[in-house]
Amino acid sequence: MHKKASIPELFFDLVYVYAIGRSMTLIHHLHDGIIPWEDFVIFILSFLFLINIWVYQTVFLNRYGQESPKNNAFLFLDMGFLLLLSNSFTLEWRGQFTPFVVLVLLLTASLFTQYFLELRHYPSPEHQEVIQNYLLILGIRFGLVAVSLFISLTFGLYFYLVGFLTGLILSIFFRKDTSRVPISFAHLVERMTLLVIITFGEMIMGGIAKYSKMK
């Protein structure tokens, strides 16, 4: 019997789709019919970060998530962080950089804690290696992103980007180790299907709302 997506996971996907919708507002402002390249870069970085959050959280729940008060509490906590993060998506990113980074750190720390708490529940070498790899990735990301809070905005932005990209690149290097603990493909397909359905529904509702305003 395969692991099924839980109700809290569905709520997490709803909040995630809302965050995606908020990030789309970054490219709604055209200048002479063209999206400014700076706005487009900000959108791409925001979008990739949201994708990364969903993938990391989904992979964790796929391997180690259980229908328990502890896991549900972390999910709802992450939903709150994600909602606050969504409201920081703005073209005036300089004024929102600090709260954005703080929320990124909170989301990273939350996932780090979730993996850390699973160390004692999975003593096998394969699981220990996978969990320690993710702890290393998240720890490095947290450290580099945290540095960006204590230096000037110009250099802080580079530290943030390096921290974000390091998390992406290291996960590729550890792919061989993580493959030793397979994921539940059925659960992953179910989560992705739910995400597509919710996103499609959001697009339809957004289109109806815009059409109503035009009329």
Protein backbone atom coordinates (compact mmCIF):
# COMPACT_ATOMS: atom_id res chain seq x y z
CA MET A 1 0.00 0.00 0.00
CA HIS A 2 1.60 3.24 -1.13
CA LYS A 3 1.84 6.37 0.99
CA LYS A 4 -1.01 8.78 0.29
CA ALA A 5 -0.86 12.56 0.33
CA SER A 6 -2.28 13.90 3.58
CA ILE A 7 -4.69 16.80 4.09
CA PRO A 8 -1.92 19.05 5.51
CA GLU A 9 0.14 18.35 2.38
CA LEU A 10 -2.83 19.46 0.28
CA PHE A 11 -3.06 22.69 2.28
CA PHE A 12 0.68 23.19 1.79
CA ASP A 13 0.18 22.86 -1.97
CA LEU A 14 -2.64 25.43 -1.84
CA VAL A 15 -0.37 27.92 -0.08
CA TYR A 16 2.42 27.10 -2.52
CA VAL A 17 0.19 27.84 -5.52
CA TYR A 18 -0.79 31.14 -3.89
CA ALA A 19 2.92 31.97 -3.57
CA ILE A 20 3.46 31.13 -7.24
CA GLY A 21 0.59 33.45 -8.14
CA ARG A 22 2.11 36.23 -6.07
CA SER A 23 5.46 35.80 -7.78
CA MET A 24 3.76 36.17 -11.17
CA THR A 25 2.88 39.77 -10.28
CA LEU A 26 6.58 40.56 -10.70
CA ILE A 27 6.20 40.36 -14.48
CA HIS A 28 2.82 42.07 -14.83
CA HIS A 29 4.37 45.52 -15.22
CA LEU A 30 5.34 46.21 -18.82
CA HIS A 31 7.37 49.11 -20.15
CA ASP A 32 6.58 49.84 -23.79
CA GLY A 33 5.08 46.35 -24.03
CA ILE A 34 8.27 44.65 -22.80
CA ILE A 35 9.13 43.07 -19.45
CA PRO A 36 12.25 44.83 -18.10
CA TRP A 37 15.14 42.37 -17.78
CA GLU A 38 15.67 43.22 -14.10
CA ASP A 39 12.04 42.38 -13.33
CA PHE A 40 12.36 39.15 -15.29
CA VAL A 41 15.52 38.12 -13.41
CA ILE A 42 13.84 38.81 -10.06
CA PHE A 43 10.86 36.70 -11.15
CA ILE A 44 13.05 33.79 -12.30
CA LEU A 45 15.01 33.76 -9.03
CA SER A 46 11.81 33.92 -6.97
CA PHE A 47 10.18 31.19 -9.05
CA LEU A 48 13.20 28.88 -8.82
CA PHE A 49 13.34 29.38 -5.07
CA LEU A 50 9.68 28.41 -4.71
CA ILE A 51 10.20 25.33 -6.86
CA ASN A 52 13.18 24.39 -4.70
CA ILE A 53 11.13 24.76 -1.50
CA TRP A 54 8.39 22.51 -2.83
CA VAL A 55 10.80 19.85 -4.11
CA TYR A 56 12.82 19.68 -0.87
CA GLN A 57 9.73 19.55 1.33
CA THR A 58 8.01 16.98 -0.90
CA VAL A 59 11.07 14.72 -1.02
CA PHE A 60 11.35 14.84 2.77
CA LEU A 61 7.68 13.98 3.26
CA ASN A 62 7.95 11.27 0.62
CA ARG A 63 10.77 9.49 2.43
CA TYR A 64 10.20 10.31 6.08
CA GLY A 65 6.86 12.07 6.45
CA GLN A 66 4.16 10.48 8.59
CA GLU A 67 0.67 11.48 9.64
CA SER A 68 1.79 12.72 13.05
CA PRO A 69 1.26 15.89 15.13
CA LYS A 70 4.97 16.71 14.80
CA ASN A 71 5.04 16.58 11.00
CA ASN A 72 1.72 18.40 10.70
CA ALA A 73 2.96 21.14 13.04
CA PHE A 74 6.03 21.68 10.87
CA LEU A 75 3.89 21.76 7.72
CA PHE A 76 1.55 24.40 9.11
CA LEU A 77 4.52 26.39 10.40
CA ASP A 78 6.07 26.31 6.92
CA MET A 79 2.75 27.41 5.44
CA GLY A 80 2.85 30.49 7.65
CA PHE A 81 6.40 31.29 6.59
CA LEU A 82 5.46 30.76 2.95
CA LEU A 83 2.47 33.10 3.21
CA LEU A 84 4.64 35.82 4.73
CA LEU A 85 7.28 35.19 2.07
CA SER A 86 4.68 35.59 -0.67
CA ASN A 87 3.87 39.09 0.51
CA SER A 88 7.50 40.12 0.08
CA PHE A 89 7.42 39.53 -3.68
CA THR A 90 7.69 43.05 -5.04
CA LEU A 91 9.69 44.92 -7.64
CA GLU A 92 10.91 47.16 -4.81
CA TRP A 93 13.00 44.22 -3.66
CA ARG A 94 15.69 46.31 -1.99
CA GLY A 95 13.29 47.34 0.76
CA GLN A 96 12.07 43.74 1.17
CA PHE A 97 15.44 41.99 1.01
CA THR A 98 15.95 41.64 4.76
CA PRO A 99 12.48 40.21 5.62
CA PHE A 100 12.72 37.96 2.54
CA VAL A 101 16.08 36.55 3.66
CA VAL A 102 14.84 36.07 7.24
CA LEU A 103 11.90 34.01 5.97
CA VAL A 104 14.21 31.99 3.70
CA LEU A 105 16.36 31.24 6.74
CA LEU A 106 13.31 30.20 8.78
CA LEU A 107 12.13 27.83 6.04
CA THR A 108 15.64 26.38 5.72
CA ALA A 109 15.96 25.98 9.50
CA SER A 110 12.56 24.28 9.65
CA LEU A 111 13.53 21.66 7.08
CA PHE A 112 16.96 21.22 8.69
CA THR A 113 15.24 20.51 12.02
CA GLN A 114 12.86 18.02 10.43
CA TYR A 115 15.75 16.04 8.95
CA PHE A 116 17.71 16.25 12.20
CA LEU A 117 14.82 14.83 14.20
CA GLU A 118 14.68 11.81 11.88
CA LEU A 119 18.31 10.82 12.48
CA ARG A 120 17.53 8.63 15.49
CA HIS A 121 14.49 7.02 13.84
CA TYR A 122 16.43 5.67 10.83
CA PRO A 123 19.68 4.05 12.05
CA SER A 124 20.49 2.18 8.82
CA PRO A 125 23.64 3.43 7.02
CA GLU A 126 21.71 4.30 3.86
CA HIS A 127 19.22 6.51 5.66
CA GLN A 128 21.89 8.06 7.85
CA GLU A 129 23.89 9.02 4.76
CA VAL A 130 20.89 10.56 2.99
CA ILE A 131 19.82 12.54 6.06
CA GLN A 132 23.36 13.77 6.75
CA ASN A 133 23.74 14.87 3.13
CA TYR A 134 20.59 16.98 3.35
CA LEU A 135 21.70 18.39 6.70
CA LEU A 136 24.99 19.42 5.08
CA ILE A 137 23.24 21.04 2.10
CA LEU A 138 20.75 22.92 4.27
CA GLY A 139 23.44 23.91 6.78
CA ILE A 140 25.67 25.40 4.08
CA ARG A 141 22.72 27.22 2.55
CA PHE A 142 21.69 28.61 5.93
CA GLY A 143 25.22 29.84 6.67
CA LEU A 144 25.77 31.57 3.33
CA VAL A 145 22.32 33.15 3.25
CA ALA A 146 22.68 34.31 6.87
CA VAL A 147 25.88 36.18 5.99
CA SER A 148 23.90 38.33 3.54
CA LEU A 149 22.05 39.92 6.49
CA PHE A 150 25.20 41.37 8.02
CA ILE A 151 26.88 42.98 5.02
CA SER A 152 25.91 45.61 2.48
CA LEU A 153 22.99 44.88 0.18
CA THR A 154 25.19 44.70 -2.93
CA PHE A 155 27.45 41.98 -1.54
CA GLY A 156 24.66 40.44 0.51
CA LEU A 157 22.72 39.68 -2.65
CA TYR A 158 25.69 37.72 -4.00
CA PHE A 159 25.98 35.69 -0.79
CA TYR A 160 22.28 34.92 -0.98
CA LEU A 161 22.58 33.76 -4.60
CA VAL A 162 25.65 31.65 -3.82
CA GLY A 163 23.83 30.03 -0.90
CA PHE A 164 20.79 29.30 -3.02
CA LEU A 165 22.79 27.91 -5.96
CA THR A 166 25.01 25.85 -3.64
CA GLY A 167 21.93 24.04 -2.40
CA LEU A 168 20.93 23.21 -5.96
CA ILE A 169 24.38 22.06 -7.06
CA LEU A 170 25.20 19.94 -4.00
CA SER A 171 21.95 18.02 -4.34
CA ILE A 172 23.14 16.94 -7.81
CA PHE A 173 26.47 15.69 -6.44
CA PHE A 174 24.71 13.65 -3.76
CA ARG A 175 22.25 12.09 -6.18
CA LYS A 176 24.03 8.71 -6.11
CA ASP A 177 23.84 8.55 -2.31
CA THR A 178 20.19 9.60 -2.15
CA SER A 179 19.22 7.01 -4.77
CA ARG A 180 19.99 4.29 -2.22
CA VAL A 181 16.84 5.29 -0.37
CA PRO A 182 14.18 5.25 -3.09
CA ILE A 183 11.19 7.55 -3.00
CA SER A 184 7.56 6.50 -3.27
CA PHE A 185 6.79 7.19 -6.91
CA ALA A 186 3.03 6.84 -6.40
CA HIS A 187 3.08 9.46 -3.64
CA LEU A 188 5.16 11.81 -5.79
CA VAL A 189 2.78 11.44 -8.74
CA GLU A 190 -0.19 12.11 -6.45
CA ARG A 191 1.42 15.29 -5.07
CA MET A 192 2.31 16.54 -8.54
CA THR A 193 -1.18 15.76 -9.84
CA LEU A 194 -2.77 17.69 -6.98
CA LEU A 195 -0.39 20.58 -7.59
CA VAL A 196 -1.27 20.72 -11.29
CA ILE A 197 -5.02 20.61 -10.54
CA ILE A 198 -4.75 23.38 -7.94
CA THR A 199 -2.57 25.50 -10.24
CA PHE A 200 -4.99 25.02 -13.14
CA GLY A 201 -7.89 26.04 -10.91
CA GLU A 202 -5.99 29.12 -9.76
CA MET A 203 -5.35 30.10 -13.38
CA ILE A 204 -9.03 29.73 -14.26
CA MET A 205 -10.18 31.78 -11.26
CA GLY A 206 -7.55 34.43 -12.00
CA GLY A 207 -8.69 34.63 -15.62
CA ILE A 208 -12.34 34.96 -14.61
CA ALA A 209 -11.47 37.72 -12.14
CA LYS A 210 -9.58 39.70 -14.79
CA TYR A 211 -12.38 39.22 -17.33
CA SER A 212 -14.93 40.50 -14.81
CA LYS A 213 -12.84 43.61 -14.18
CA MET A 214 -12.54 44.28 -17.92
CA LYS A 215 -16.33 44.13 -18.29
